[in-house]
Amino acid sequence: MEFKALRVPSLNKTVAENLNTVLKQLTGVKKFEITLETQELYIMFDENQVGFQTLAQEMAKAGCSLKNIDAALLL
């Protein structure tokens, strides 16, 4: 499954570092890209290993809550 946030206003250097740490450690995350310049976030994950709700909770702990994302796709 893929999650792509097209505009993440809260995405700054600190949040990006927190996300990087969380996503590297989260079982089931296969690939991720954080682009500060355009405030975009892309996460590819195996939903059999990590559910979207868990992913969203971990993102929120890192400072990137779903409710603060202007546009996103879940494929």
N, C-alpha and C. Protein backbone atom coordinates (compact mmCIF):
# COMPACT_ATOMS: atom_id res chain seq x y z
N MET A 1 0.84 -1.16 0.00
CA MET A 1 0.00 0.00 0.00
C MET A 1 0.90 1.24 0.00
N GLU A 2 0.38 2.31 -0.56
CA GLU A 2 1.15 3.54 -0.65
C GLU A 2 0.36 4.71 -0.08
N PHE A 3 1.05 5.57 0.64
CA PHE A 3 0.47 6.80 1.17
C PHE A 3 1.31 7.95 0.64
N LYS A 4 0.65 8.92 0.03
CA LYS A 4 1.36 10.08 -0.48
C LYS A 4 0.64 11.34 0.00
N ALA A 5 1.35 12.14 0.76
CA ALA A 5 0.85 13.43 1.22
C ALA A 5 1.43 14.49 0.31
N LEU A 6 0.56 15.22 -0.35
CA LEU A 6 1.00 16.20 -1.34
C LEU A 6 1.32 17.56 -0.75
N ARG A 7 0.78 17.85 0.41
CA ARG A 7 1.07 19.12 1.06
C ARG A 7 0.97 18.91 2.57
N VAL A 8 2.12 18.98 3.23
CA VAL A 8 2.18 18.77 4.67
C VAL A 8 2.77 20.04 5.31
N PRO A 9 1.91 21.00 5.70
CA PRO A 9 2.40 22.27 6.24
C PRO A 9 3.32 22.12 7.46
N SER A 10 3.11 21.08 8.26
CA SER A 10 3.92 20.89 9.46
C SER A 10 5.29 20.27 9.18
N LEU A 11 5.56 19.93 7.92
CA LEU A 11 6.81 19.26 7.59
C LEU A 11 7.97 20.25 7.54
N ASN A 12 8.76 20.22 8.59
CA ASN A 12 9.97 21.03 8.67
C ASN A 12 11.14 20.10 8.98
N LYS A 13 12.29 20.65 9.19
CA LYS A 13 13.49 19.82 9.40
C LYS A 13 13.34 18.90 10.62
N THR A 14 12.83 19.43 11.72
CA THR A 14 12.68 18.63 12.94
C THR A 14 11.68 17.50 12.74
N VAL A 15 10.53 17.81 12.15
CA VAL A 15 9.52 16.78 11.90
C VAL A 15 10.06 15.73 10.94
N ALA A 16 10.80 16.17 9.92
CA ALA A 16 11.39 15.24 8.95
C ALA A 16 12.36 14.29 9.65
N GLU A 17 13.16 14.81 10.55
CA GLU A 17 14.10 13.96 11.29
C GLU A 17 13.35 12.96 12.17
N ASN A 18 12.28 13.43 12.82
CA ASN A 18 11.47 12.53 13.66
C ASN A 18 10.82 11.44 12.81
N LEU A 19 10.26 11.83 11.68
CA LEU A 19 9.64 10.86 10.77
C LEU A 19 10.66 9.85 10.27
N ASN A 20 11.83 10.33 9.91
CA ASN A 20 12.89 9.46 9.43
C ASN A 20 13.21 8.38 10.46
N THR A 21 13.34 8.78 11.70
CA THR A 21 13.63 7.83 12.78
C THR A 21 12.50 6.82 12.95
N VAL A 22 11.27 7.31 13.02
CA VAL A 22 10.11 6.44 13.23
C VAL A 22 9.93 5.48 12.07
N LEU A 23 9.98 5.98 10.85
CA LEU A 23 9.71 5.14 9.69
C LEU A 23 10.80 4.09 9.45
N LYS A 24 12.04 4.41 9.81
CA LYS A 24 13.11 3.41 9.69
C LYS A 24 12.90 2.24 10.64
N GLN A 25 12.30 2.51 11.79
CA GLN A 25 12.14 1.48 12.81
C GLN A 25 10.81 0.73 12.72
N LEU A 26 9.86 1.26 11.97
CA LEU A 26 8.53 0.68 11.92
C LEU A 26 8.50 -0.52 10.97
N THR A 27 8.20 -1.68 11.52
CA THR A 27 8.11 -2.90 10.73
C THR A 27 7.01 -2.76 9.70
N GLY A 28 7.32 -3.11 8.46
CA GLY A 28 6.33 -3.05 7.40
C GLY A 28 6.52 -1.88 6.46
N VAL A 29 7.28 -0.87 6.87
CA VAL A 29 7.57 0.25 5.98
C VAL A 29 8.68 -0.19 5.04
N LYS A 30 8.35 -0.23 3.75
CA LYS A 30 9.28 -0.72 2.74
C LYS A 30 10.16 0.39 2.16
N LYS A 31 9.56 1.57 2.00
CA LYS A 31 10.27 2.69 1.37
C LYS A 31 9.56 3.96 1.79
N PHE A 32 10.33 5.03 1.94
CA PHE A 32 9.71 6.33 2.20
C PHE A 32 10.61 7.44 1.68
N GLU A 33 9.97 8.55 1.33
CA GLU A 33 10.68 9.73 0.85
C GLU A 33 10.06 10.95 1.51
N ILE A 34 10.91 11.82 2.02
CA ILE A 34 10.47 13.06 2.65
C ILE A 34 11.11 14.20 1.86
N THR A 35 10.29 15.08 1.30
CA THR A 35 10.79 16.19 0.50
C THR A 35 10.40 17.50 1.18
N LEU A 36 11.36 18.12 1.84
CA LEU A 36 11.08 19.35 2.58
C LEU A 36 10.71 20.52 1.66
N GLU A 37 11.38 20.63 0.54
CA GLU A 37 11.17 21.78 -0.35
C GLU A 37 9.72 21.91 -0.80
N THR A 38 9.07 20.78 -1.09
CA THR A 38 7.69 20.79 -1.57
C THR A 38 6.71 20.30 -0.50
N GLN A 39 7.23 20.00 0.67
CA GLN A 39 6.44 19.51 1.80
C GLN A 39 5.63 18.26 1.42
N GLU A 40 6.30 17.31 0.78
CA GLU A 40 5.66 16.07 0.37
C GLU A 40 6.22 14.89 1.15
N LEU A 41 5.37 13.90 1.32
CA LEU A 41 5.74 12.69 2.05
C LEU A 41 5.19 11.48 1.30
N TYR A 42 6.04 10.51 1.07
CA TYR A 42 5.64 9.28 0.39
C TYR A 42 6.07 8.10 1.25
N ILE A 43 5.13 7.19 1.50
CA ILE A 43 5.43 5.99 2.29
C ILE A 43 4.83 4.77 1.61
N MET A 44 5.67 3.78 1.35
CA MET A 44 5.19 2.50 0.85
C MET A 44 5.30 1.52 2.02
N PHE A 45 4.18 0.84 2.30
CA PHE A 45 4.19 -0.07 3.44
C PHE A 45 3.37 -1.32 3.15
N ASP A 46 3.69 -2.37 3.87
CA ASP A 46 2.99 -3.65 3.76
C ASP A 46 1.89 -3.66 4.81
N GLU A 47 0.64 -3.56 4.36
CA GLU A 47 -0.48 -3.47 5.29
C GLU A 47 -0.68 -4.75 6.09
N ASN A 48 -0.05 -5.84 5.70
CA ASN A 48 -0.11 -7.08 6.48
C ASN A 48 0.82 -7.01 7.69
N GLN A 49 1.78 -6.09 7.64
CA GLN A 49 2.73 -5.94 8.76
C GLN A 49 2.44 -4.72 9.61
N VAL A 50 1.92 -3.67 8.99
CA VAL A 50 1.58 -2.45 9.74
C VAL A 50 0.31 -1.85 9.13
N GLY A 51 -0.68 -1.64 9.96
CA GLY A 51 -1.93 -1.06 9.50
C GLY A 51 -1.81 0.44 9.31
N PHE A 52 -2.71 0.98 8.52
CA PHE A 52 -2.67 2.42 8.28
C PHE A 52 -2.91 3.21 9.56
N GLN A 53 -3.77 2.71 10.43
CA GLN A 53 -4.03 3.40 11.70
C GLN A 53 -2.76 3.50 12.55
N THR A 54 -2.01 2.43 12.61
CA THR A 54 -0.74 2.43 13.34
C THR A 54 0.24 3.41 12.70
N LEU A 55 0.32 3.37 11.38
CA LEU A 55 1.19 4.29 10.66
C LEU A 55 0.82 5.74 10.97
N ALA A 56 -0.47 6.04 10.94
CA ALA A 56 -0.95 7.40 11.22
C ALA A 56 -0.63 7.82 12.65
N GLN A 57 -0.76 6.91 13.60
CA GLN A 57 -0.45 7.21 15.00
C GLN A 57 1.04 7.52 15.17
N GLU A 58 1.88 6.73 14.52
CA GLU A 58 3.33 6.95 14.61
C GLU A 58 3.73 8.26 13.93
N MET A 59 3.07 8.58 12.82
CA MET A 59 3.33 9.85 12.15
C MET A 59 2.95 11.02 13.05
N ALA A 60 1.81 10.90 13.74
CA ALA A 60 1.36 11.96 14.66
C ALA A 60 2.35 12.16 15.80
N LYS A 61 2.88 11.07 16.34
CA LYS A 61 3.88 11.17 17.41
C LYS A 61 5.13 11.91 16.94
N ALA A 62 5.42 11.78 15.64
CA ALA A 62 6.60 12.44 15.07
C ALA A 62 6.32 13.91 14.72
N GLY A 63 5.06 14.34 14.88
CA GLY A 63 4.71 15.73 14.60
C GLY A 63 4.01 15.94 13.27
N CYS A 64 3.57 14.84 12.66
CA CYS A 64 2.94 14.90 11.33
C CYS A 64 1.56 14.26 11.39
N SER A 65 0.62 14.95 12.00
CA SER A 65 -0.73 14.44 12.15
C SER A 65 -1.49 14.50 10.83
N LEU A 66 -2.31 13.50 10.58
CA LEU A 66 -3.12 13.46 9.36
C LEU A 66 -4.05 14.66 9.25
N LYS A 67 -4.55 15.14 10.37
CA LYS A 67 -5.50 16.26 10.32
C LYS A 67 -4.84 17.56 9.86
N ASN A 68 -3.52 17.59 9.84
CA ASN A 68 -2.81 18.78 9.38
C ASN A 68 -2.31 18.66 7.94
N ILE A 69 -2.70 17.61 7.26
CA ILE A 69 -2.26 17.39 5.88
C ILE A 69 -3.35 17.89 4.94
N ASP A 70 -2.98 18.80 4.03
CA ASP A 70 -3.96 19.41 3.13
C ASP A 70 -4.47 18.45 2.07
N ALA A 71 -3.60 17.65 1.48
CA ALA A 71 -3.99 16.74 0.41
C ALA A 71 -3.18 15.46 0.50
N ALA A 72 -3.86 14.31 0.39
CA ALA A 72 -3.17 13.03 0.50
C ALA A 72 -3.90 11.96 -0.31
N LEU A 73 -3.14 10.94 -0.71
CA LEU A 73 -3.67 9.80 -1.44
C LEU A 73 -3.26 8.53 -0.71
N LEU A 74 -4.17 7.56 -0.69
CA LEU A 74 -3.87 6.25 -0.14
C LEU A 74 -4.20 5.26 -1.24
N LEU A 75 -3.16 4.62 -1.77
CA LEU A 75 -3.32 3.73 -2.91
C LEU A 75 -3.00 2.29 -2.52
